[in-house]
């Protein structure tokens, strides 16, 4: 029984290592090909925009909207359960996930708007 857990752990490690290896080796090959063709090396440096919104503002905005969505989902699930007699196992997870996803979607659009303003 213990052997299957070890095999799963090793398999997971190998998959992550394989993906990372392919990513970095492919990126290196692409960069070398561009350098050989005479491309400017500045395209490899991710330039920071001077007016970009700070990371902490975006993180707090998305986290706040996620938590508000979860709270609204719990309230909606309770309303569905007690007023409309929807099964508890369906009402709570469904409404929580729906509202949390809605909160994250709103956060995405607000983050995009903040980036455009700055």
C-alpha atoms as a PDB file:
ATOM      1  CA  UNK A   1       0.000   0.000   0.000  1.00  0.00           C
ATOM      2  CA  UNK A   2       2.795   2.432   0.853  1.00  0.00           C
ATOM      3  CA  UNK A   3       4.506   1.814  -2.469  1.00  0.00           C
ATOM      4  CA  UNK A   4       1.744   3.404  -4.539  1.00  0.00           C
ATOM      5  CA  UNK A   5       2.059   6.690  -2.631  1.00  0.00           C
ATOM      6  CA  UNK A   6       5.782   6.790  -3.248  1.00  0.00           C
ATOM      7  CA  UNK A   7       5.300   6.058  -6.947  1.00  0.00           C
ATOM      8  CA  UNK A   8       2.694   8.824  -7.230  1.00  0.00           C
ATOM      9  CA  UNK A   9       4.991  11.312  -5.479  1.00  0.00           C
ATOM     10  CA  UNK A  10       7.935  10.423  -7.720  1.00  0.00           C
ATOM     11  CA  UNK A  11       5.737  10.616 -10.819  1.00  0.00           C
ATOM     12  CA  UNK A  12       4.487  14.057  -9.815  1.00  0.00           C
ATOM     13  CA  UNK A  13       8.054  15.252  -9.246  1.00  0.00           C
ATOM     14  CA  UNK A  14       9.171  13.892 -12.621  1.00  0.00           C
ATOM     15  CA  UNK A  15       6.280  15.588 -14.438  1.00  0.00           C
ATOM     16  CA  UNK A  16       7.053  18.953 -12.826  1.00  0.00           C
ATOM     17  CA  UNK A  17      10.761  18.559 -13.582  1.00  0.00           C
ATOM     18  CA  UNK A  18      10.011  17.591 -17.199  1.00  0.00           C
ATOM     19  CA  UNK A  19       7.774  20.590 -17.780  1.00  0.00           C
ATOM     20  CA  UNK A  20      10.325  22.968 -16.247  1.00  0.00           C
ATOM     21  CA  UNK A  21      13.147  21.447 -18.304  1.00  0.00           C
ATOM     22  CA  UNK A  22      11.211  21.736 -21.552  1.00  0.00           C
ATOM     23  CA  UNK A  23      10.216  25.320 -20.764  1.00  0.00           C
ATOM     24  CA  UNK A  24      13.721  26.526 -20.011  1.00  0.00           C
ATOM     25  CA  UNK A  25      15.470  24.585 -22.782  1.00  0.00           C
ATOM     26  CA  UNK A  26      12.963  25.800 -25.382  1.00  0.00           C
ATOM     27  CA  UNK A  27      13.279  29.384 -24.145  1.00  0.00           C
ATOM     28  CA  UNK A  28      17.066  29.157 -24.370  1.00  0.00           C
ATOM     29  CA  UNK A  29      16.925  27.789 -27.923  1.00  0.00           C
ATOM     30  CA  UNK A  30      14.540  30.554 -29.029  1.00  0.00           C
ATOM     31  CA  UNK A  31      16.764  33.232 -27.530  1.00  0.00           C
ATOM     32  CA  UNK A  32      19.890  31.800 -29.122  1.00  0.00           C
ATOM     33  CA  UNK A  33      18.173  31.720 -32.516  1.00  0.00           C
ATOM     34  CA  UNK A  34      17.109  35.365 -32.155  1.00  0.00           C
ATOM     35  CA  UNK A  35      20.608  36.418 -31.099  1.00  0.00           C
ATOM     36  CA  UNK A  36      22.123  34.598 -34.086  1.00  0.00           C
ATOM     37  CA  UNK A  37      19.780  36.518 -36.376  1.00  0.00           C
ATOM     38  CA  UNK A  38      20.879  39.795 -34.814  1.00  0.00           C
ATOM     39  CA  UNK A  39      17.809  40.641 -32.746  1.00  0.00           C
ATOM     40  CA  UNK A  40      18.145  43.223 -29.997  1.00  0.00           C
ATOM     41  CA  UNK A  41      18.786  41.642 -26.578  1.00  0.00           C
ATOM     42  CA  UNK A  42      16.468  44.119 -24.854  1.00  0.00           C
ATOM     43  CA  UNK A  43      13.442  42.050 -25.893  1.00  0.00           C
ATOM     44  CA  UNK A  44      14.440  39.441 -23.295  1.00  0.00           C
ATOM     45  CA  UNK A  45      14.191  41.851 -20.381  1.00  0.00           C
ATOM     46  CA  UNK A  46      10.698  42.320 -19.096  1.00  0.00           C
ATOM     47  CA  UNK A  47      10.496  46.054 -18.813  1.00  0.00           C
ATOM     48  CA  UNK A  48       8.558  47.500 -15.948  1.00  0.00           C
ATOM     49  CA  UNK A  49       6.109  50.131 -16.932  1.00  0.00           C
ATOM     50  CA  UNK A  50       6.604  53.282 -14.949  1.00  0.00           C
ATOM     51  CA  UNK A  51       2.898  53.779 -14.402  1.00  0.00           C
ATOM     52  CA  UNK A  52       1.958  50.179 -13.601  1.00  0.00           C
ATOM     53  CA  UNK A  53      -0.252  49.655 -10.570  1.00  0.00           C
ATOM     54  CA  UNK A  54       1.612  48.211  -7.573  1.00  0.00           C
ATOM     55  CA  UNK A  55       1.277  44.481  -7.082  1.00  0.00           C
ATOM     56  CA  UNK A  56      -0.147  44.841  -3.578  1.00  0.00           C
ATOM     57  CA  UNK A  57      -3.061  46.968  -4.820  1.00  0.00           C
ATOM     58  CA  UNK A  58      -4.052  44.370  -7.372  1.00  0.00           C
ATOM     59  CA  UNK A  59      -3.651  41.526  -4.861  1.00  0.00           C
ATOM     60  CA  UNK A  60      -5.786  43.255  -2.223  1.00  0.00           C
ATOM     61  CA  UNK A  61      -8.457  44.151  -4.789  1.00  0.00           C
ATOM     62  CA  UNK A  62      -8.749  40.580  -6.074  1.00  0.00           C
ATOM     63  CA  UNK A  63      -8.619  39.061  -2.593  1.00  0.00           C
ATOM     64  CA  UNK A  64     -11.317  41.436  -1.324  1.00  0.00           C
ATOM     65  CA  UNK A  65     -13.586  40.672  -4.266  1.00  0.00           C
ATOM     66  CA  UNK A  66     -12.999  36.939  -3.847  1.00  0.00           C
ATOM     67  CA  UNK A  67     -13.917  37.042  -0.160  1.00  0.00           C
ATOM     68  CA  UNK A  68     -16.954  39.232  -0.868  1.00  0.00           C
ATOM     69  CA  UNK A  69     -18.041  36.740  -3.519  1.00  0.00           C
ATOM     70  CA  UNK A  70     -17.672  33.827  -1.103  1.00  0.00           C
ATOM     71  CA  UNK A  71     -19.723  35.698   1.519  1.00  0.00           C
ATOM     72  CA  UNK A  72     -22.417  36.513  -1.025  1.00  0.00           C
ATOM     73  CA  UNK A  73     -22.401  32.878  -2.156  1.00  0.00           C
ATOM     74  CA  UNK A  74     -22.995  31.686   1.402  1.00  0.00           C
ATOM     75  CA  UNK A  75     -25.892  34.111   1.770  1.00  0.00           C
ATOM     76  CA  UNK A  76     -27.416  33.079  -1.572  1.00  0.00           C
ATOM     77  CA  UNK A  77     -26.958  29.401  -0.686  1.00  0.00           C
ATOM     78  CA  UNK A  78     -28.824  29.951   2.581  1.00  0.00           C
ATOM     79  CA  UNK A  79     -31.625  31.745   0.764  1.00  0.00           C
ATOM     80  CA  UNK A  80     -31.854  28.937  -1.790  1.00  0.00           C
ATOM     81  CA  UNK A  81     -31.927  26.325   0.962  1.00  0.00           C
ATOM     82  CA  UNK A  82     -34.460  27.858   3.334  1.00  0.00           C
ATOM     83  CA  UNK A  83     -36.744  29.766   0.980  1.00  0.00           C
ATOM     84  CA  UNK A  84     -36.729  27.590  -2.115  1.00  0.00           C
ATOM     85  CA  UNK A  85     -36.006  24.205  -0.449  1.00  0.00           C
ATOM     86  CA  UNK A  86     -33.023  23.462  -2.689  1.00  0.00           C
ATOM     87  CA  UNK A  87     -30.871  20.561  -1.490  1.00  0.00           C
ATOM     88  CA  UNK A  88     -28.122  21.829   0.859  1.00  0.00           C
ATOM     89  CA  UNK A  89     -25.409  19.856  -0.987  1.00  0.00           C
ATOM     90  CA  UNK A  90     -26.303  21.651  -4.206  1.00  0.00           C
ATOM     91  CA  UNK A  91     -27.175  25.124  -2.969  1.00  0.00           C
ATOM     92  CA  UNK A  92     -24.082  25.935  -0.913  1.00  0.00           C
ATOM     93  CA  UNK A  93     -21.165  24.790  -3.129  1.00  0.00           C
ATOM     94  CA  UNK A  94     -22.875  25.913  -6.303  1.00  0.00           C
ATOM     95  CA  UNK A  95     -23.636  29.404  -5.084  1.00  0.00           C
ATOM     96  CA  UNK A  96     -20.240  29.820  -3.394  1.00  0.00           C
ATOM     97  CA  UNK A  97     -18.305  28.839  -6.521  1.00  0.00           C
ATOM     98  CA  UNK A  98     -20.563  30.908  -8.758  1.00  0.00           C
ATOM     99  CA  UNK A  99     -20.194  34.052  -6.688  1.00  0.00           C
ATOM    100  CA  UNK A 100     -16.463  33.560  -6.037  1.00  0.00           C
ATOM    101  CA  UNK A 101     -15.896  33.222  -9.788  1.00  0.00           C
ATOM    102  CA  UNK A 102     -17.999  36.303 -10.407  1.00  0.00           C
ATOM    103  CA  UNK A 103     -15.914  38.226  -7.865  1.00  0.00           C
ATOM    104  CA  UNK A 104     -12.680  37.161  -9.560  1.00  0.00           C
ATOM    105  CA  UNK A 105     -14.058  38.105 -12.974  1.00  0.00           C
ATOM    106  CA  UNK A 106     -14.982  41.559 -11.681  1.00  0.00           C
ATOM    107  CA  UNK A 107     -11.496  41.807 -10.171  1.00  0.00           C
ATOM    108  CA  UNK A 108      -9.968  40.981 -13.537  1.00  0.00           C
ATOM    109  CA  UNK A 109     -11.872  43.758 -15.283  1.00  0.00           C
ATOM    110  CA  UNK A 110     -11.123  46.259 -12.514  1.00  0.00           C
ATOM    111  CA  UNK A 111      -7.422  45.368 -12.641  1.00  0.00           C
ATOM    112  CA  UNK A 112      -7.418  45.882 -16.385  1.00  0.00           C
ATOM    113  CA  UNK A 113      -9.102  49.248 -15.882  1.00  0.00           C
ATOM    114  CA  UNK A 114      -6.557  50.268 -13.218  1.00  0.00           C
ATOM    115  CA  UNK A 115      -3.686  49.359 -15.560  1.00  0.00           C
ATOM    116  CA  UNK A 116      -5.189  51.473 -18.354  1.00  0.00           C
ATOM    117  CA  UNK A 117      -5.646  54.492 -16.071  1.00  0.00           C
ATOM    118  CA  UNK A 118      -2.101  54.400 -14.778  1.00  0.00           C
END
